[in-house]
Each structure stands twice: as structure tokens, then as C-alpha cells.
């Protein structure tokens, strides 16, 4: 039994698991911060609309979360330290929020349609935001 506990695999887990937890906490913290900032910047209040049962707002905000998470996940995968994750994660959040804002401006009229519960508008908005997230994620890998 003692040989199993002192195996290289168990030792690697024991030293790596705390690092994993810290990396996850930093990345989830960045995701939460990005979601809050996005919610504050949008011309409509998606969270309130979701609470009222607006499915289009739920789809749109779900797309925002995915759109923020994709580049953050890639940022975490290419980073080597907590500082690296924080720096690249913050950079990706700023770029992604800027891209989201541009998408919102280019696709004018969608916020009103989402407020009215139009799912097709939300799906288009999600697709545009996921497309920008994937392109940003690819740019992170060099």
C-alpha cells in the first residue's frame, strides 16, 4: 500500500492538483468578471429578461458565456503560470468584450428583437459571438 502512495503518479497528482485548482479558480473568476462586465455594458438587461422567462435572452446570454469561456479555456491551456493565465485571460476578455460590442453594433435591431423574445435573433447573435470567440482562441495558439 505504501508503495502505491509513493508512486510517481500519485506524487504527480499530489503536486499538480493544487495547481489545477488555482488555475481553475483564476479562470472561473475571469469568466465571472467578464460576464458581469458584459451584462453591465449591454443595452438590454438579459438577466432580468431571463428571470421573466424570456428564452431568447437566455439563449443570447448562454452564447455570451460560451463566447467568453472558449478563449479563456485556450488561454489557460497555453499558459504556464497563474500570472500567465491572468495576463492572457484579461487580454482575451478585453478583446472579446470589444468584439461582442462591435457585433452588437453591427447587428443593429437584435437587442430589441431579443427583448421581444425572438429566438432567431438570439441564435444569430450567439453564432456571431461564438465565431469571434473561436477566431480569438485560434489567435492565442499562435
N, C-alpha and C. Protein backbone atom coordinates (compact mmCIF):
# COMPACT_ATOMS: atom_id res chain seq x y z
N UNK A 1 0.82 -1.19 0.00
CA UNK A 1 0.00 0.00 0.00
C UNK A 1 0.86 1.26 0.00
N UNK A 2 1.93 1.27 0.81
CA UNK A 2 2.80 2.43 0.86
C UNK A 2 3.50 2.65 -0.47
N UNK A 3 3.81 1.56 -1.18
CA UNK A 3 4.44 1.70 -2.49
C UNK A 3 3.52 2.40 -3.47
N UNK A 4 2.22 2.12 -3.37
CA UNK A 4 1.24 2.75 -4.25
C UNK A 4 1.16 4.25 -3.97
N UNK A 5 1.18 4.63 -2.70
CA UNK A 5 1.09 6.05 -2.34
C UNK A 5 2.33 6.83 -2.72
N UNK A 6 3.46 6.16 -2.83
CA UNK A 6 4.69 6.86 -3.18
C UNK A 6 5.02 6.71 -4.68
N UNK A 7 4.08 6.19 -5.44
CA UNK A 7 4.32 6.02 -6.88
C UNK A 7 4.43 7.40 -7.55
N UNK A 8 5.12 7.47 -8.66
CA UNK A 8 5.26 8.75 -9.36
C UNK A 8 3.91 9.36 -9.77
N UNK A 9 2.95 8.51 -10.09
CA UNK A 9 1.63 9.01 -10.50
C UNK A 9 0.93 9.72 -9.35
N UNK A 10 0.97 9.11 -8.18
CA UNK A 10 0.32 9.71 -7.01
C UNK A 10 1.06 10.98 -6.60
N UNK A 11 2.37 10.97 -6.67
CA UNK A 11 3.15 12.16 -6.33
C UNK A 11 2.86 13.30 -7.32
N UNK A 12 2.75 12.95 -8.60
CA UNK A 12 2.43 13.97 -9.61
C UNK A 12 1.05 14.55 -9.35
N UNK A 13 0.10 13.70 -8.99
CA UNK A 13 -1.24 14.17 -8.67
C UNK A 13 -1.20 15.08 -7.45
N UNK A 14 -0.50 14.67 -6.42
CA UNK A 14 -0.44 15.44 -5.17
C UNK A 14 0.18 16.82 -5.39
N UNK A 15 1.15 16.91 -6.28
CA UNK A 15 1.75 18.22 -6.52
C UNK A 15 1.00 19.01 -7.58
N UNK A 16 0.33 18.33 -8.50
CA UNK A 16 -0.36 19.02 -9.59
C UNK A 16 -1.78 19.45 -9.28
N UNK A 17 -2.46 18.72 -8.41
CA UNK A 17 -3.87 19.03 -8.14
C UNK A 17 -4.08 20.43 -7.57
N UNK A 18 -3.27 20.86 -6.59
CA UNK A 18 -3.46 22.23 -6.08
C UNK A 18 -3.25 23.30 -7.18
N UNK A 19 -2.32 23.05 -8.08
CA UNK A 19 -2.08 23.97 -9.19
C UNK A 19 -3.30 24.02 -10.09
N UNK A 20 -3.88 22.86 -10.37
CA UNK A 20 -5.09 22.78 -11.18
C UNK A 20 -6.21 23.60 -10.56
N UNK A 21 -6.40 23.46 -9.27
CA UNK A 21 -7.47 24.17 -8.57
C UNK A 21 -7.25 25.69 -8.66
N UNK A 22 -6.04 26.14 -8.48
CA UNK A 22 -5.75 27.58 -8.56
C UNK A 22 -6.00 28.08 -9.98
N UNK A 23 -5.55 27.33 -10.98
CA UNK A 23 -5.77 27.72 -12.38
C UNK A 23 -7.26 27.80 -12.69
N UNK A 24 -8.02 26.84 -12.19
CA UNK A 24 -9.47 26.86 -12.41
C UNK A 24 -10.11 28.07 -11.72
N UNK A 25 -9.70 28.34 -10.49
CA UNK A 25 -10.29 29.47 -9.76
C UNK A 25 -10.01 30.78 -10.47
N UNK A 26 -8.80 30.96 -10.96
CA UNK A 26 -8.45 32.20 -11.66
C UNK A 26 -9.27 32.31 -12.95
N UNK A 27 -9.37 31.22 -13.69
CA UNK A 27 -10.10 31.25 -14.96
C UNK A 27 -11.60 31.45 -14.74
N UNK A 28 -12.18 30.76 -13.77
CA UNK A 28 -13.60 30.97 -13.47
C UNK A 28 -13.85 32.39 -12.95
N UNK A 29 -12.90 32.94 -12.19
CA UNK A 29 -13.03 34.32 -11.74
C UNK A 29 -13.03 35.29 -12.91
N UNK A 30 -12.16 35.04 -13.89
CA UNK A 30 -12.15 35.87 -15.09
C UNK A 30 -13.45 35.73 -15.87
N UNK A 31 -13.97 34.52 -15.96
CA UNK A 31 -15.23 34.29 -16.66
C UNK A 31 -16.37 35.05 -15.98
N UNK A 32 -16.43 34.96 -14.66
CA UNK A 32 -17.47 35.67 -13.92
C UNK A 32 -17.34 37.18 -14.10
N UNK A 33 -16.11 37.69 -14.03
CA UNK A 33 -15.89 39.12 -14.21
C UNK A 33 -16.31 39.55 -15.62
N UNK A 34 -15.95 38.75 -16.61
CA UNK A 34 -16.33 39.08 -17.99
C UNK A 34 -17.84 39.08 -18.18
N UNK A 35 -18.52 38.12 -17.58
CA UNK A 35 -19.98 38.05 -17.69
C UNK A 35 -20.64 39.25 -17.03
N UNK A 36 -20.12 39.65 -15.88
CA UNK A 36 -20.68 40.81 -15.17
C UNK A 36 -20.44 42.08 -15.99
N UNK A 37 -19.24 42.24 -16.50
CA UNK A 37 -18.93 43.42 -17.31
C UNK A 37 -19.81 43.46 -18.55
N UNK A 38 -19.97 42.31 -19.21
CA UNK A 38 -20.82 42.25 -20.39
C UNK A 38 -22.25 42.66 -20.03
N UNK A 39 -22.76 42.11 -18.94
CA UNK A 39 -24.12 42.42 -18.52
C UNK A 39 -24.29 43.91 -18.24
N UNK A 40 -23.26 44.54 -17.71
CA UNK A 40 -23.33 45.98 -17.44
C UNK A 40 -23.24 46.82 -18.71
N UNK A 41 -22.56 46.30 -19.74
CA UNK A 41 -22.35 47.05 -20.97
C UNK A 41 -23.48 46.92 -21.99
N UNK A 42 -24.28 45.88 -21.87
CA UNK A 42 -25.30 45.66 -22.89
C UNK A 42 -26.44 46.65 -22.74
N UNK A 43 -27.05 47.00 -23.88
CA UNK A 43 -28.16 47.96 -23.83
C UNK A 43 -29.44 47.35 -23.26
N UNK A 44 -29.50 46.05 -23.11
CA UNK A 44 -30.68 45.41 -22.54
C UNK A 44 -30.24 44.62 -21.32
N UNK A 45 -31.14 44.35 -20.43
CA UNK A 45 -30.83 43.66 -19.18
C UNK A 45 -31.21 42.19 -19.32
N UNK A 46 -30.26 41.39 -19.83
CA UNK A 46 -30.54 39.99 -20.12
C UNK A 46 -30.95 39.20 -18.88
N UNK A 47 -30.29 39.44 -17.76
CA UNK A 47 -30.59 38.68 -16.56
C UNK A 47 -32.03 38.92 -16.12
N UNK A 48 -32.47 40.17 -16.16
CA UNK A 48 -33.86 40.47 -15.81
C UNK A 48 -34.81 39.82 -16.80
N UNK A 49 -34.47 39.86 -18.08
CA UNK A 49 -35.31 39.22 -19.10
C UNK A 49 -35.38 37.71 -18.89
N UNK A 50 -34.26 37.11 -18.53
CA UNK A 50 -34.23 35.67 -18.27
C UNK A 50 -35.13 35.34 -17.08
N UNK A 51 -35.05 36.15 -16.03
CA UNK A 51 -35.91 35.92 -14.85
C UNK A 51 -37.38 36.03 -15.19
N UNK A 52 -37.70 36.84 -16.21
CA UNK A 52 -39.08 36.99 -16.67
C UNK A 52 -39.50 35.87 -17.61
N UNK A 53 -38.57 34.96 -17.93
CA UNK A 53 -38.90 33.83 -18.78
C UNK A 53 -38.63 34.05 -20.26
N UNK A 54 -37.85 35.05 -20.60
CA UNK A 54 -37.53 35.33 -22.00
C UNK A 54 -36.47 34.35 -22.48
N UNK A 55 -36.88 33.36 -23.29
CA UNK A 55 -35.97 32.33 -23.77
C UNK A 55 -34.90 32.90 -24.69
N UNK A 56 -35.24 33.89 -25.49
CA UNK A 56 -34.26 34.49 -26.39
C UNK A 56 -33.12 35.12 -25.60
N UNK A 57 -33.43 35.78 -24.50
CA UNK A 57 -32.40 36.37 -23.65
C UNK A 57 -31.53 35.28 -23.04
N UNK A 58 -32.14 34.16 -22.66
CA UNK A 58 -31.38 33.04 -22.12
C UNK A 58 -30.41 32.46 -23.13
N UNK A 59 -30.89 32.31 -24.36
CA UNK A 59 -30.02 31.81 -25.44
C UNK A 59 -28.87 32.80 -25.68
N UNK A 60 -29.20 34.08 -25.75
CA UNK A 60 -28.18 35.10 -26.02
C UNK A 60 -27.13 35.14 -24.91
N UNK A 61 -27.56 35.10 -23.65
CA UNK A 61 -26.60 35.18 -22.55
C UNK A 61 -25.80 33.89 -22.44
N UNK A 62 -26.42 32.76 -22.75
CA UNK A 62 -25.68 31.49 -22.80
C UNK A 62 -24.57 31.56 -23.84
N UNK A 63 -24.87 32.18 -24.98
CA UNK A 63 -23.85 32.36 -26.02
C UNK A 63 -22.72 33.26 -25.56
N UNK A 64 -23.05 34.26 -24.77
CA UNK A 64 -22.02 35.14 -24.22
C UNK A 64 -21.09 34.35 -23.31
N UNK A 65 -21.67 33.53 -22.44
CA UNK A 65 -20.84 32.73 -21.53
C UNK A 65 -19.92 31.80 -22.31
N UNK A 66 -20.47 31.13 -23.32
CA UNK A 66 -19.63 30.25 -24.15
C UNK A 66 -18.57 31.06 -24.89
N UNK A 67 -18.98 32.21 -25.42
CA UNK A 67 -18.05 33.05 -26.16
C UNK A 67 -16.91 33.58 -25.31
N UNK A 68 -17.16 33.80 -24.05
CA UNK A 68 -16.10 34.21 -23.13
C UNK A 68 -15.26 33.02 -22.70
N UNK A 69 -15.90 31.88 -22.50
CA UNK A 69 -15.20 30.70 -21.99
C UNK A 69 -14.22 30.10 -23.00
N UNK A 70 -14.56 30.13 -24.27
CA UNK A 70 -13.69 29.49 -25.27
C UNK A 70 -12.29 30.10 -25.28
N UNK A 71 -12.15 31.42 -25.45
CA UNK A 71 -10.78 31.96 -25.42
C UNK A 71 -10.12 31.85 -24.05
N UNK A 72 -10.91 31.90 -22.98
CA UNK A 72 -10.31 31.72 -21.65
C UNK A 72 -9.75 30.30 -21.49
N UNK A 73 -10.48 29.33 -22.01
CA UNK A 73 -10.00 27.94 -21.93
C UNK A 73 -8.71 27.77 -22.71
N UNK A 74 -8.65 28.35 -23.89
CA UNK A 74 -7.43 28.26 -24.69
C UNK A 74 -6.31 29.02 -24.00
N UNK A 75 -6.63 30.17 -23.44
CA UNK A 75 -5.64 30.95 -22.71
C UNK A 75 -5.05 30.12 -21.56
N UNK A 76 -5.92 29.42 -20.84
CA UNK A 76 -5.44 28.59 -19.74
C UNK A 76 -4.57 27.45 -20.27
N UNK A 77 -4.95 26.89 -21.41
CA UNK A 77 -4.20 25.74 -21.93
C UNK A 77 -2.82 26.13 -22.46
N UNK A 78 -2.63 27.37 -22.89
CA UNK A 78 -1.32 27.77 -23.41
C UNK A 78 -0.48 28.51 -22.37
N UNK A 79 -1.03 28.73 -21.20
CA UNK A 79 -0.32 29.45 -20.15
C UNK A 79 0.45 28.48 -19.28
N UNK A 80 1.51 29.00 -18.65
CA UNK A 80 2.35 28.15 -17.81
C UNK A 80 2.32 28.51 -16.34
N UNK A 81 1.65 29.60 -15.99
CA UNK A 81 1.60 30.02 -14.59
C UNK A 81 0.30 30.77 -14.33
N UNK A 82 0.04 31.02 -13.07
CA UNK A 82 -1.16 31.77 -12.70
C UNK A 82 -1.07 33.19 -13.26
N UNK A 83 0.10 33.81 -13.18
CA UNK A 83 0.27 35.16 -13.72
C UNK A 83 0.03 35.16 -15.23
N UNK A 84 0.50 34.13 -15.91
CA UNK A 84 0.31 33.98 -17.35
C UNK A 84 -1.18 33.85 -17.69
N UNK A 85 -1.88 33.03 -16.91
CA UNK A 85 -3.32 32.86 -17.11
C UNK A 85 -4.05 34.18 -16.89
N UNK A 86 -3.69 34.88 -15.82
CA UNK A 86 -4.34 36.15 -15.50
C UNK A 86 -4.08 37.18 -16.60
N UNK A 87 -2.85 37.28 -17.05
CA UNK A 87 -2.49 38.26 -18.07
C UNK A 87 -3.18 37.97 -19.40
N UNK A 88 -3.03 36.74 -19.90
CA UNK A 88 -3.65 36.37 -21.18
C UNK A 88 -5.16 36.30 -21.06
N UNK A 89 -5.64 35.85 -19.91
CA UNK A 89 -7.09 35.80 -19.70
C UNK A 89 -7.70 37.19 -19.72
N UNK A 90 -7.06 38.13 -19.08
CA UNK A 90 -7.55 39.51 -19.08
C UNK A 90 -7.49 40.10 -20.49
N UNK A 91 -6.41 39.83 -21.19
CA UNK A 91 -6.29 40.33 -22.57
C UNK A 91 -7.39 39.76 -23.45
N UNK A 92 -7.67 38.45 -23.32
CA UNK A 92 -8.72 37.85 -24.14
C UNK A 92 -10.09 38.39 -23.77
N UNK A 93 -10.31 38.64 -22.48
CA UNK A 93 -11.60 39.21 -22.07
C UNK A 93 -11.82 40.59 -22.67
N UNK A 94 -10.80 41.41 -22.61
CA UNK A 94 -10.93 42.76 -23.17
C UNK A 94 -11.21 42.68 -24.67
N UNK A 95 -10.44 41.86 -25.38
CA UNK A 95 -10.64 41.72 -26.82
C UNK A 95 -12.01 41.13 -27.14
N UNK A 96 -12.42 40.15 -26.38
CA UNK A 96 -13.71 39.50 -26.65
C UNK A 96 -14.87 40.45 -26.33
N UNK A 97 -14.79 41.19 -25.24
CA UNK A 97 -15.84 42.14 -24.92
C UNK A 97 -15.92 43.25 -25.97
N UNK A 98 -14.77 43.67 -26.47
CA UNK A 98 -14.76 44.66 -27.55
C UNK A 98 -15.40 44.07 -28.81
N UNK A 99 -15.04 42.84 -29.13
CA UNK A 99 -15.63 42.18 -30.31
C UNK A 99 -17.14 42.00 -30.13
N UNK A 100 -17.57 41.63 -28.93
CA UNK A 100 -19.01 41.47 -28.66
C UNK A 100 -19.73 42.80 -28.87
N UNK A 101 -19.12 43.86 -28.41
CA UNK A 101 -19.75 45.18 -28.54
C UNK A 101 -19.88 45.57 -30.00
N UNK A 102 -18.84 45.27 -30.79
CA UNK A 102 -18.88 45.56 -32.22
C UNK A 102 -19.97 44.73 -32.89
N UNK A 103 -20.06 43.45 -32.52
CA UNK A 103 -21.12 42.59 -33.08
C UNK A 103 -22.49 43.15 -32.73
N UNK A 104 -22.66 43.59 -31.49
CA UNK A 104 -23.94 44.18 -31.08
C UNK A 104 -24.28 45.42 -31.92
N UNK A 105 -23.26 46.22 -32.23
CA UNK A 105 -23.48 47.43 -33.02
C UNK A 105 -23.75 47.11 -34.49
N UNK A 106 -23.02 46.13 -35.03
CA UNK A 106 -23.20 45.77 -36.44
C UNK A 106 -24.57 45.12 -36.67
N UNK A 107 -24.96 44.27 -35.75
CA UNK A 107 -26.25 43.58 -35.88
C UNK A 107 -27.33 44.40 -35.19
N UNK A 108 -27.50 45.62 -35.64
CA UNK A 108 -28.47 46.53 -35.03
C UNK A 108 -29.88 45.94 -35.10
N UNK A 109 -30.64 46.27 -34.13
CA UNK A 109 -32.02 45.79 -34.08
C UNK A 109 -32.16 44.48 -33.34
N UNK A 110 -31.07 43.74 -33.18
CA UNK A 110 -31.18 42.45 -32.49
C UNK A 110 -31.53 42.60 -31.01
N UNK A 111 -30.98 43.58 -30.31
CA UNK A 111 -31.35 43.71 -28.89
C UNK A 111 -32.86 43.85 -28.70
N UNK A 112 -33.50 44.67 -29.51
CA UNK A 112 -34.94 44.86 -29.40
C UNK A 112 -35.67 43.55 -29.70
N UNK A 113 -35.19 42.84 -30.72
CA UNK A 113 -35.83 41.57 -31.09
C UNK A 113 -35.65 40.52 -29.99
N UNK A 114 -34.49 40.55 -29.31
CA UNK A 114 -34.27 39.63 -28.20
C UNK A 114 -35.18 40.00 -27.03
N UNK A 115 -35.31 41.29 -26.76
CA UNK A 115 -36.21 41.73 -25.69
C UNK A 115 -37.63 41.27 -25.96
N UNK A 116 -38.00 41.18 -27.23
CA UNK A 116 -39.34 40.74 -27.61
C UNK A 116 -39.45 39.20 -27.64
N UNK A 117 -38.34 38.52 -27.34
CA UNK A 117 -38.38 37.07 -27.23
C UNK A 117 -38.14 36.32 -28.53
N UNK A 118 -37.59 36.98 -29.53
CA UNK A 118 -37.37 36.33 -30.82
C UNK A 118 -36.11 35.46 -30.78
N UNK A 119 -36.32 34.16 -30.80
CA UNK A 119 -35.22 33.19 -30.70
C UNK A 119 -34.27 33.30 -31.89
N UNK A 120 -34.79 33.51 -33.09
CA UNK A 120 -33.91 33.57 -34.27
C UNK A 120 -32.88 34.69 -34.14
N UNK A 121 -33.26 35.81 -33.57
CA UNK A 121 -32.30 36.91 -33.36
C UNK A 121 -31.23 36.49 -32.36
N UNK A 122 -31.64 35.79 -31.31
CA UNK A 122 -30.68 35.34 -30.30
C UNK A 122 -29.70 34.33 -30.89
N UNK A 123 -30.21 33.42 -31.73
CA UNK A 123 -29.34 32.41 -32.34
C UNK A 123 -28.31 33.08 -33.24
N UNK A 124 -28.72 34.06 -34.03
CA UNK A 124 -27.78 34.78 -34.89
C UNK A 124 -26.72 35.50 -34.05
N UNK A 125 -27.14 36.14 -32.98
CA UNK A 125 -26.21 36.83 -32.10
C UNK A 125 -25.22 35.85 -31.48
N UNK A 126 -25.71 34.70 -31.03
CA UNK A 126 -24.84 33.67 -30.45
C UNK A 126 -23.84 33.18 -31.48
N UNK A 127 -24.30 32.93 -32.69
CA UNK A 127 -23.39 32.45 -33.74
C UNK A 127 -22.29 33.45 -34.02
N UNK A 128 -22.63 34.73 -34.09
CA UNK A 128 -21.62 35.76 -34.33
C UNK A 128 -20.63 35.83 -33.18
N UNK A 129 -21.11 35.70 -31.95
CA UNK A 129 -20.23 35.78 -30.79
C UNK A 129 -19.34 34.54 -30.67
N UNK A 130 -19.89 33.37 -30.98
CA UNK A 130 -19.07 32.16 -30.95
C UNK A 130 -18.03 32.18 -32.06
N UNK A 131 -18.37 32.73 -33.21
CA UNK A 131 -17.40 32.84 -34.30
C UNK A 131 -16.23 33.72 -33.88
N UNK A 132 -16.52 34.84 -33.24
CA UNK A 132 -15.42 35.71 -32.78
C UNK A 132 -14.61 35.02 -31.69
N UNK A 133 -15.27 34.25 -30.84
CA UNK A 133 -14.56 33.53 -29.78
C UNK A 133 -13.60 32.50 -30.36
N UNK A 134 -14.05 31.77 -31.36
CA UNK A 134 -13.19 30.75 -31.97
C UNK A 134 -12.00 31.36 -32.69
N UNK A 135 -12.23 32.48 -33.36
CA UNK A 135 -11.13 33.15 -34.06
C UNK A 135 -10.12 33.69 -33.04
N UNK A 136 -10.59 34.28 -31.97
CA UNK A 136 -9.69 34.78 -30.93
C UNK A 136 -8.94 33.62 -30.28
N UNK A 137 -9.62 32.53 -30.02
CA UNK A 137 -8.97 31.36 -29.43
C UNK A 137 -7.86 30.83 -30.34
N UNK A 138 -8.13 30.79 -31.65
CA UNK A 138 -7.11 30.33 -32.60
C UNK A 138 -5.91 31.29 -32.61
N UNK A 139 -6.19 32.58 -32.51
CA UNK A 139 -5.10 33.56 -32.49
C UNK A 139 -4.20 33.37 -31.27
N UNK A 140 -4.77 32.93 -30.18
CA UNK A 140 -3.99 32.71 -28.95
C UNK A 140 -2.96 31.59 -29.12
N UNK A 141 -3.28 30.63 -29.95
CA UNK A 141 -2.37 29.50 -30.11
C UNK A 141 -1.20 29.81 -31.03
N UNK A 142 -1.25 30.97 -31.67
CA UNK A 142 -0.15 31.43 -32.49
C UNK A 142 -0.23 30.93 -33.87
